[in-house]
Protein backbone atom coordinates (compact mmCIF):
# COMPACT_ATOMS: atom_id res chain seq x y z
CA UNK A 1 -42.04 5.15 8.65
CA UNK A 2 -40.27 7.79 6.25
CA UNK A 3 -37.39 8.68 8.98
CA UNK A 4 -36.93 5.04 9.33
CA UNK A 5 -36.38 4.07 5.68
CA UNK A 6 -33.86 6.75 5.63
CA UNK A 7 -32.16 5.44 8.75
CA UNK A 8 -32.19 1.86 7.49
CA UNK A 9 -30.63 3.45 3.78
CA UNK A 10 -27.84 4.71 5.82
CA UNK A 11 -27.79 1.61 7.85
CA UNK A 12 -26.77 -0.13 4.79
CA UNK A 13 -24.60 2.10 3.04
CA UNK A 14 -22.82 2.13 6.42
CA UNK A 15 -22.10 -1.69 5.97
CA UNK A 16 -21.26 -1.57 2.29
CA UNK A 17 -18.55 1.35 3.26
CA UNK A 18 -17.23 -0.85 6.18
CA UNK A 19 -16.67 -3.54 3.78
CA UNK A 20 -14.68 -1.31 1.31
CA UNK A 21 -11.47 -1.94 0.25
CA UNK A 22 -11.03 1.94 -0.40
CA UNK A 23 -11.13 3.04 3.39
CA UNK A 24 -7.78 4.83 4.06
CA UNK A 25 -5.48 3.90 6.91
CA UNK A 26 -4.54 7.02 9.27
CA UNK A 27 -0.77 7.06 7.66
CA UNK A 28 -2.32 7.18 3.98
CA UNK A 29 -4.70 9.45 4.77
CA UNK A 30 -2.18 11.59 6.17
CA UNK A 31 0.21 11.44 2.76
CA UNK A 32 -2.83 12.51 0.88
CA UNK A 33 -2.71 15.72 3.14
CA UNK A 34 -5.74 15.11 5.32
CA UNK A 35 -6.44 13.77 8.77
CA UNK A 36 -8.83 11.13 10.12
CA UNK A 37 -11.46 12.89 12.09
CA UNK A 38 -15.06 12.30 12.83
CA UNK A 39 -17.71 13.15 9.71
CA UNK A 40 -19.23 15.93 11.76
CA UNK A 41 -15.86 17.65 12.09
CA UNK A 42 -14.96 18.32 8.70
CA UNK A 43 -15.92 21.16 6.73
CA UNK A 44 -15.02 19.48 3.39
CA UNK A 45 -17.59 18.77 0.57
CA UNK A 46 -19.03 15.41 1.05
CA UNK A 47 -18.11 14.57 -2.08
CA UNK A 48 -14.48 14.76 -1.63
CA UNK A 49 -14.12 12.50 1.49
CA UNK A 50 -13.06 8.96 1.86
CA UNK A 51 -13.95 6.75 4.80
CA UNK A 52 -11.08 6.16 7.08
CA UNK A 53 -10.74 2.31 8.83
CA UNK A 54 -11.49 4.09 12.12
CA UNK A 55 -15.29 3.18 12.37
CA UNK A 56 -16.71 6.90 11.68
CA UNK A 57 -14.05 8.90 10.33
CA UNK A 58 -13.29 10.30 7.14
CA UNK A 59 -10.22 11.70 5.87
CA UNK A 60 -10.73 15.18 5.60
CA UNK A 61 -8.76 17.31 3.11
CA UNK A 62 -9.43 20.82 4.55
CA UNK A 63 -6.89 23.77 3.10
CA UNK A 64 -5.51 23.95 6.78
CA UNK A 65 -4.28 20.58 6.51
CA UNK A 66 -3.09 20.44 3.09
CA UNK A 67 -0.74 23.66 3.12
CA UNK A 68 2.25 23.33 4.05
CA UNK A 69 2.30 19.70 4.44
CA UNK A 70 1.68 18.52 1.26
CA UNK A 71 4.76 19.19 0.14
CA UNK A 72 6.97 17.86 2.70
CA UNK A 73 4.53 14.61 3.13
CA UNK A 74 5.97 12.98 0.06
CA UNK A 75 9.19 10.90 0.78
CA UNK A 76 9.19 11.61 4.38
CA UNK A 77 8.14 9.55 7.34
CA UNK A 78 4.66 10.80 8.25
CA UNK A 79 5.49 10.62 11.92
CA UNK A 80 7.83 13.91 11.39
CA UNK A 81 5.01 15.74 9.99
CA UNK A 82 1.93 14.89 11.37
CA UNK A 83 2.51 16.22 14.79
CA UNK A 84 2.24 19.94 13.42
CA UNK A 85 -1.07 19.56 12.04
CA UNK A 86 -3.56 20.65 14.85
CA UNK A 87 -0.61 20.60 17.73
CA UNK A 88 -3.15 22.20 20.03
CA UNK A 89 -5.77 19.64 19.98
CA UNK A 90 -7.32 17.81 22.50
CA UNK A 91 -8.47 15.29 20.17
CA UNK A 92 -5.62 14.40 18.53
CA UNK A 93 -3.45 14.14 22.08
CA UNK A 94 -6.17 12.19 24.08
CA UNK A 95 -8.10 10.19 21.13
CA UNK A 96 -5.53 9.56 18.72
CA UNK A 97 -2.15 9.07 20.25
CA UNK A 98 -4.12 7.98 23.75
CA UNK A 99 -1.76 10.23 25.43
CA UNK A 100 -2.38 13.32 28.01
CA UNK A 101 -0.87 16.70 28.57
CA UNK A 102 2.30 17.66 30.53
CA UNK A 103 3.44 21.22 31.46
CA UNK A 104 6.91 20.29 31.08
CA UNK A 105 9.13 17.20 28.55
CA UNK A 106 10.90 15.67 31.57
CA UNK A 107 7.59 14.64 32.63
CA UNK A 108 7.20 12.12 29.59
CA UNK A 109 9.23 9.45 31.46
CA UNK A 110 10.77 7.03 30.77
CA UNK A 111 10.09 5.53 27.57
CA UNK A 112 6.55 7.43 26.35
CA UNK A 113 6.89 9.69 23.64
CA UNK A 114 6.59 13.42 23.05
CA UNK A 115 4.54 13.98 20.05
CA UNK A 116 2.77 17.45 20.12
CA UNK A 117 3.78 20.51 21.41
CA UNK A 118 0.92 22.79 22.00
CA UNK A 119 3.31 26.55 22.68
CA UNK A 120 0.19 28.62 23.20
CA UNK A 121 -0.80 26.95 26.45
CA UNK A 122 2.87 25.55 26.99
CA UNK A 123 2.24 22.10 27.21
CA UNK A 124 3.08 19.12 25.75
CA UNK A 125 1.12 15.67 24.43
CA UNK A 126 2.67 12.50 26.36
CA UNK A 127 2.11 9.59 24.20
CA UNK A 128 2.14 5.91 25.16
CA UNK A 129 5.78 4.08 23.83
CA UNK A 130 5.55 1.93 20.76
CA UNK A 131 5.40 -2.29 21.81
CA UNK A 132 5.64 -4.92 19.41
CA UNK A 133 2.33 -7.06 19.39
CA UNK A 134 2.52 -10.72 19.53
CA UNK A 135 2.23 -11.03 15.39
CA UNK A 136 5.38 -8.61 14.97
CA UNK A 137 7.30 -10.96 17.68
CA UNK A 138 6.67 -14.10 15.87
CA UNK A 139 8.07 -12.77 12.72
CA UNK A 140 11.15 -11.75 14.79
CA UNK A 141 10.44 -8.24 14.31
CA UNK A 142 10.74 -4.83 16.56
CA UNK A 143 9.04 -1.47 16.70
CA UNK A 144 10.30 1.86 14.90
CA UNK A 145 8.78 4.95 15.31
CA UNK A 146 10.11 5.69 12.03
CA UNK A 147 10.07 3.83 8.97
CA UNK A 148 13.66 5.24 7.86
CA UNK A 149 14.85 3.13 10.70
CA UNK A 150 13.43 -0.17 9.35
CA UNK A 151 15.97 -2.02 7.06
CA UNK A 152 13.33 -4.82 5.81
CA UNK A 153 9.55 -4.94 5.31
CA UNK A 154 7.23 -2.42 7.46
CA UNK A 155 4.38 -3.61 8.68
CA UNK A 156 1.95 -1.29 9.89
CA UNK A 157 -0.56 -2.75 12.55
CA UNK A 158 2.11 -4.67 14.30
CA UNK A 159 2.60 -2.57 17.00
CA UNK A 160 0.85 -0.76 19.48
CA UNK A 161 1.02 3.02 20.01
CA UNK A 162 0.08 5.43 17.04
CA UNK A 163 2.33 6.34 14.31
CA UNK A 164 4.58 2.94 15.48
CA UNK A 165 5.61 0.06 13.11
CA UNK A 166 6.63 -3.27 13.04
CA UNK A 167 10.11 -3.50 11.45
CA UNK A 168 10.42 -7.36 10.04
CA UNK A 169 14.09 -7.90 8.88
CA UNK A 170 15.00 -9.01 5.67
CA UNK A 171 17.88 -11.08 7.16
CA UNK A 172 20.33 -9.20 5.27
CA UNK A 173 23.13 -6.90 7.42
CA UNK A 174 25.67 -4.50 6.54
CA UNK A 175 29.15 -5.62 5.46
CA UNK A 176 31.69 -6.52 8.00
CA UNK A 177 35.44 -6.83 7.57
CA UNK A 178 35.58 -10.15 9.31
CA UNK A 179 34.01 -13.58 8.50
CA UNK A 180 36.38 -16.14 10.12
CA UNK A 181 34.82 -16.61 13.08
CA UNK A 182 31.62 -15.73 14.94
CA UNK A 183 29.88 -15.60 18.06
CA UNK A 184 27.33 -14.26 20.47
CA UNK A 185 27.87 -12.19 22.90
CA UNK A 186 25.23 -14.26 24.77
CA UNK A 187 27.27 -17.18 24.01
CA UNK A 188 27.67 -19.81 26.67
CA UNK A 189 31.43 -19.90 26.53
CA UNK A 190 31.54 -16.57 28.33
CA UNK A 191 34.78 -15.85 27.02
CA UNK A 192 36.71 -16.56 23.50
CA UNK A 193 40.65 -16.27 22.27
CA UNK A 194 41.51 -14.41 19.15
CA UNK A 195 44.79 -15.98 17.44
CA UNK A 196 47.55 -13.07 16.99
CA UNK A 197 46.40 -11.30 13.75
CA UNK A 198 42.82 -12.84 13.28
CA UNK A 199 39.61 -11.49 13.47
CA UNK A 200 36.13 -12.44 15.32
CA UNK A 201 32.68 -11.36 14.51
CA UNK A 202 30.54 -10.76 17.97
CA UNK A 203 26.93 -10.06 17.68
CA UNK A 204 23.74 -9.91 19.46
CA UNK A 205 21.77 -12.81 19.89
CA UNK A 206 19.51 -13.82 16.63
CA UNK A 207 21.10 -10.82 14.75
CA UNK A 208 20.18 -9.59 12.13
CA UNK A 209 16.85 -10.61 13.78
CA UNK A 210 15.68 -8.78 16.66
CA UNK A 211 17.33 -9.52 19.96
CA UNK A 212 15.35 -11.02 23.42
CA UNK A 213 13.77 -9.12 26.45
CA UNK A 214 15.82 -8.87 29.66
CA UNK A 215 19.38 -10.27 28.89
CA UNK A 216 21.90 -9.49 31.08
CA UNK A 217 25.26 -11.28 29.59
CA UNK A 218 28.94 -10.76 29.26
CA UNK A 219 31.45 -12.09 26.93
CA UNK A 220 35.26 -11.72 27.32
CA UNK A 221 37.60 -11.75 24.17
CA UNK A 222 41.41 -12.18 24.88
CA UNK A 223 44.44 -12.16 22.36
CA UNK A 224 48.10 -12.42 22.19
CA UNK A 225 49.90 -10.41 25.57
CA UNK A 226 51.74 -8.37 22.82
CA UNK A 227 48.61 -7.60 20.73
CA UNK A 228 45.83 -5.48 20.98
CA UNK A 229 42.21 -5.76 20.13
CA UNK A 230 40.54 -3.32 17.75
CA UNK A 231 37.07 -3.48 17.38
CA UNK A 232 35.35 -1.70 14.02
CA UNK A 233 31.23 -1.04 14.93
CA UNK A 234 29.77 -2.90 11.51
CA UNK A 235 26.04 -2.13 12.85
CA UNK A 236 24.64 -0.89 15.60
CA UNK A 237 20.81 -0.68 16.17
CA UNK A 238 19.34 -0.57 19.91
CA UNK A 239 16.58 0.74 21.32
CA UNK A 240 17.26 4.42 23.11
CA UNK A 241 20.39 4.79 25.52
CA UNK A 242 19.59 3.72 29.13
CA UNK A 243 17.46 0.78 28.05
CA UNK A 244 19.10 -1.39 26.07
CA UNK A 245 23.30 -1.28 25.70
CA UNK A 246 25.99 -2.61 24.66
CA UNK A 247 29.15 -1.93 27.20
CA UNK A 248 33.05 -2.16 26.26
CA UNK A 249 35.42 -2.41 29.35
CA UNK A 250 39.61 -2.65 28.34
CA UNK A 251 41.19 -0.01 30.03
CA UNK A 252 40.81 3.28 27.22
CA UNK A 253 38.33 1.84 25.60
CA UNK A 254 35.29 1.66 27.60
CA UNK A 255 31.97 3.17 26.51
CA UNK A 256 28.95 2.43 25.87
CA UNK A 257 27.08 1.43 22.22
CA UNK A 258 23.01 2.35 22.39
CA UNK A 259 20.41 3.79 19.76
CA UNK A 260 21.50 3.86 16.36
CA UNK A 261 25.34 4.77 16.17
CA UNK A 262 28.49 4.49 14.08
CA UNK A 263 31.11 4.71 16.44
CA UNK A 264 34.75 5.13 15.61
CA UNK A 265 36.85 2.23 16.34
CA UNK A 266 37.92 1.26 19.70
CA UNK A 267 41.47 0.14 20.50
CA UNK A 268 41.87 -1.98 23.79
CA UNK A 269 45.04 -0.51 26.07
CA UNK A 270 46.12 -4.45 26.74
CA UNK A 271 45.51 -7.44 25.25
CA UNK A 272 41.48 -7.80 26.27
CA UNK A 273 38.25 -6.49 26.11
CA UNK A 274 34.74 -7.57 28.23
CA UNK A 275 31.34 -6.41 26.09
CA UNK A 276 28.30 -6.64 28.22
CA UNK A 277 24.93 -6.63 26.62
CA UNK A 278 22.11 -5.60 28.60
CA UNK A 279 18.55 -5.22 27.78
CA UNK A 280 14.94 -4.06 29.16
CA UNK A 281 11.74 -5.79 29.25
CA UNK A 282 10.26 -4.45 26.16
CA UNK A 283 11.26 -2.52 22.67
CA UNK A 284 13.94 -4.06 20.95
CA UNK A 285 15.92 -2.98 18.23
CA UNK A 286 17.77 -5.08 15.52
CA UNK A 287 20.71 -5.51 17.33
CA UNK A 288 24.84 -5.30 16.86
CA UNK A 289 27.61 -6.72 14.57
CA UNK A 290 31.33 -6.36 15.58
CA UNK A 291 34.48 -6.78 13.80
CA UNK A 292 37.22 -7.68 16.41
CA UNK A 293 41.01 -7.58 15.22
CA UNK A 294 44.03 -8.98 16.81
CA UNK A 295 46.48 -6.36 15.84
CA UNK A 296 50.29 -7.26 17.00
CA UNK A 297 52.31 -4.75 14.82
CA UNK A 298 53.05 -1.12 15.62
CA UNK A 299 50.03 0.72 16.17
CA UNK A 300 49.49 4.64 15.55
CA UNK A 301 47.11 5.56 18.82
CA UNK A 302 43.43 4.68 17.27
CA UNK A 303 40.60 7.23 18.38
CA UNK A 304 39.10 5.80 21.67
CA UNK A 305 35.27 5.15 22.36
CA UNK A 306 34.61 8.14 24.64
CA UNK A 307 37.24 10.84 24.25
CA UNK A 308 38.33 13.08 27.09
CA UNK A 309 37.34 16.35 25.14
CA UNK A 310 33.56 16.20 24.30
CA UNK A 311 32.17 19.31 23.65
CA UNK A 312 28.49 19.76 23.76
CA UNK A 313 26.72 22.20 21.47
CA UNK A 314 24.84 25.14 22.77
CA UNK A 315 27.20 24.70 26.09
CA UNK A 316 30.40 26.00 24.58
CA UNK A 317 31.25 28.71 22.10
CA UNK A 318 34.81 27.84 21.34
CA UNK A 319 36.89 24.91 20.93
CA UNK A 320 40.84 25.13 20.19
CA UNK A 321 41.66 21.12 21.13
CA UNK A 322 43.06 19.34 18.14
CA UNK A 323 40.59 16.60 18.54
CA UNK A 324 37.79 15.35 20.33
CA UNK A 325 33.97 15.01 19.88
CA UNK A 326 30.76 17.11 19.23
CA UNK A 327 27.55 15.96 20.37
CA UNK A 328 23.78 17.99 20.69
CA UNK A 329 22.25 18.95 23.99
CA UNK A 330 21.34 16.10 26.29
CA UNK A 331 23.00 13.57 24.41
CA UNK A 332 22.41 10.72 24.08
CA UNK A 333 18.63 11.80 24.92
CA UNK A 334 16.91 13.83 22.07
CA UNK A 335 18.01 17.32 21.95
CA UNK A 336 15.06 19.46 23.06
CA UNK A 337 13.01 22.07 21.28
CA UNK A 338 14.05 26.16 20.66
CA UNK A 339 17.47 25.90 20.55
CA UNK A 340 19.68 28.68 18.02
CA UNK A 341 23.63 28.11 19.00
CA UNK A 342 26.79 28.17 17.25
CA UNK A 343 29.90 26.71 18.12
CA UNK A 344 34.05 27.34 16.65
CA UNK A 345 36.38 25.28 16.41
CA UNK A 346 40.37 26.56 16.05
CA UNK A 347 43.80 24.84 15.79
CA UNK A 348 46.80 26.14 14.70
CA UNK A 349 47.79 27.51 11.45
CA UNK A 350 48.69 25.40 9.09
CA UNK A 351 46.47 22.57 9.93
CA UNK A 352 42.90 21.83 8.82
CA UNK A 353 40.25 19.44 10.29
CA UNK A 354 38.21 16.66 9.67
CA UNK A 355 35.15 15.41 10.39
CA UNK A 356 33.52 11.70 10.88
CA UNK A 357 29.87 12.05 11.46
CA UNK A 358 29.23 9.33 14.10
CA UNK A 359 25.43 9.46 14.84
CA UNK A 360 23.30 12.16 12.88
CA UNK A 361 19.21 12.01 13.52
CA UNK A 362 17.36 15.78 13.58
CA UNK A 363 13.84 16.35 12.37
CA UNK A 364 13.15 15.89 8.49
CA UNK A 365 11.62 18.83 6.89
CA UNK A 366 11.60 20.32 3.33
CA UNK A 367 14.51 22.32 3.03
CA UNK A 368 15.53 21.15 6.33
CA UNK A 369 12.80 24.11 7.90
CA UNK A 370 12.11 22.80 11.20
CA UNK A 371 15.53 21.41 12.52
CA UNK A 372 18.62 21.98 10.69
CA UNK A 373 22.73 22.10 11.36
CA UNK A 374 25.07 23.66 9.57
CA UNK A 375 29.08 23.71 9.21
CA UNK A 376 31.55 25.20 7.46
CA UNK A 377 34.76 27.34 6.96
CA UNK A 378 34.40 30.13 8.82
CA UNK A 379 35.16 33.06 6.45
CA UNK A 380 34.76 36.24 8.62
CA UNK A 381 37.48 37.86 11.15
CA UNK A 382 34.51 38.68 13.25
CA UNK A 383 33.38 35.20 13.97
CA UNK A 384 30.37 33.35 12.97
CA UNK A 385 27.98 34.67 10.35
CA UNK A 386 26.00 32.53 9.23
CA UNK A 387 23.75 33.02 5.89
CA UNK A 388 20.91 31.85 4.01
CA UNK A 389 23.48 30.68 1.20
CA UNK A 390 25.10 27.64 3.61
CA UNK A 391 23.83 24.33 3.05
CA UNK A 392 21.63 22.88 5.94
CA UNK A 393 21.41 18.84 6.90
CA UNK A 394 18.31 17.23 8.49
CA UNK A 395 16.82 13.73 9.10
CA UNK A 396 19.48 11.09 8.56
CA UNK A 397 21.49 12.38 5.58
CA UNK A 398 25.07 13.09 7.03
CA UNK A 399 26.63 16.77 6.12
CA UNK A 400 29.00 16.45 3.05
CA UNK A 401 31.34 18.76 4.84
CA UNK A 402 34.33 16.13 6.07
CA UNK A 403 37.38 18.45 5.21
CA UNK A 404 37.61 22.09 6.04
CA UNK A 405 39.71 24.06 3.48
CA UNK A 406 41.29 26.11 6.50
CA UNK A 407 42.01 25.88 10.61
CA UNK A 408 38.71 27.81 11.46
CA UNK A 409 35.15 25.94 11.17
CA UNK A 410 31.93 27.12 12.25
CA UNK A 411 28.97 24.60 13.56
CA UNK A 412 25.50 26.34 13.86
CA UNK A 413 22.32 24.44 15.20
CA UNK A 414 18.81 25.15 15.32
CA UNK A 415 15.63 23.80 16.23
CA UNK A 416 12.00 24.71 16.35
CA UNK A 417 8.59 23.68 18.73
CA UNK A 418 8.18 20.59 18.03
CA UNK A 419 9.69 16.77 16.76
CA UNK A 420 12.41 15.70 18.01
CA UNK A 421 15.61 13.57 16.63
CA UNK A 422 18.11 11.64 18.28
CA UNK A 423 20.71 14.57 17.69
CA UNK A 424 24.51 14.11 16.04
CA UNK A 425 28.00 13.08 17.67
CA UNK A 426 30.92 13.61 15.65
CA UNK A 427 34.81 13.14 15.85
CA UNK A 428 36.75 15.72 14.48
CA UNK A 429 40.90 15.67 14.65
CA UNK A 430 43.22 18.35 13.28
CA UNK A 431 45.75 17.22 10.30
CA UNK A 432 48.65 19.22 8.96
CA UNK A 433 48.33 20.92 5.24
């Protein structure tokens, strides 16, 4: 009888906890420096524990979880930091992420996510992709794996998949130079003409709200035969490359936009361009908006979308061309782990280098101690000699180094064993002093 009474008391207490608003979500627990785990697996004192939303789980704040994570969690996405906690944990991979282990990252395809790397056992945890729940779709939202990718309101329970968030756009969009005319790339018209020296805004369906699945549509834009079309990318926020793409065809301007990009302007080689927008059956983004202007004056050469001089960090060390683009390894896919490499750009004496950061997305961390990028004027005749006083860049904060002081610049790229970003794409060109 006495044992039965104890069980009844515990059951009643459990019912009270279930109705308690103080329960923490998994994300909130991480921000507190803990992890939601079963009660019997936590070694902390019972007085320090707070129940999690997951049945039977508590927010365990052992020292192993609190250091060095606590400093990093404040102000950053939980996803960027969380996989470092128990990254060899079978329970975390299989139960928390609903994932499985694979011996190589390449096996985690096509949309699945690499969320942990167990270096001691040389294996990776591959988790299912994020996908929208009906509640997210009804609000015209889309899923993001990082809160920083959402320009709007974040709904924490609108997507399937651990550490997936439903982004509900607030209806605003970045400024765009052209407001005279606006047309969807999927317009039933199929083609449109821009008057000489006029402009046109081309956008994805429903922009700035999430576009539709299973799209395959094209829009042809023409202008006066004596004019050129120049495209300015006001906003590009699509699913990662190969799944949802915006293709631009028109001579030298041919290329593909995807993911989160800020490409350089595109100039047509003639008087027409064709925009083709394709999406797959799941996962979406905010979309895109372009300003297409008809320019009839004599034009100087404009940087084209995919230059012939495209260089990959970690594949070449010296560049002596005066214009081109630099991309991270495996671009436009994620860059991978264990990189430690440098690149040097040298142009003729009497010239300097200017840099435009079209895409920049590395793993974020305090003092950029996980994945980092450096760029600076080379100051040694013996070649690159990176030192600790050089500023590091990571996350989505683009480097402040945009104009060199000399004709010789060094780039350094380092990554650790886990958590990947989309990488970088940097345009450069020389200019006389």
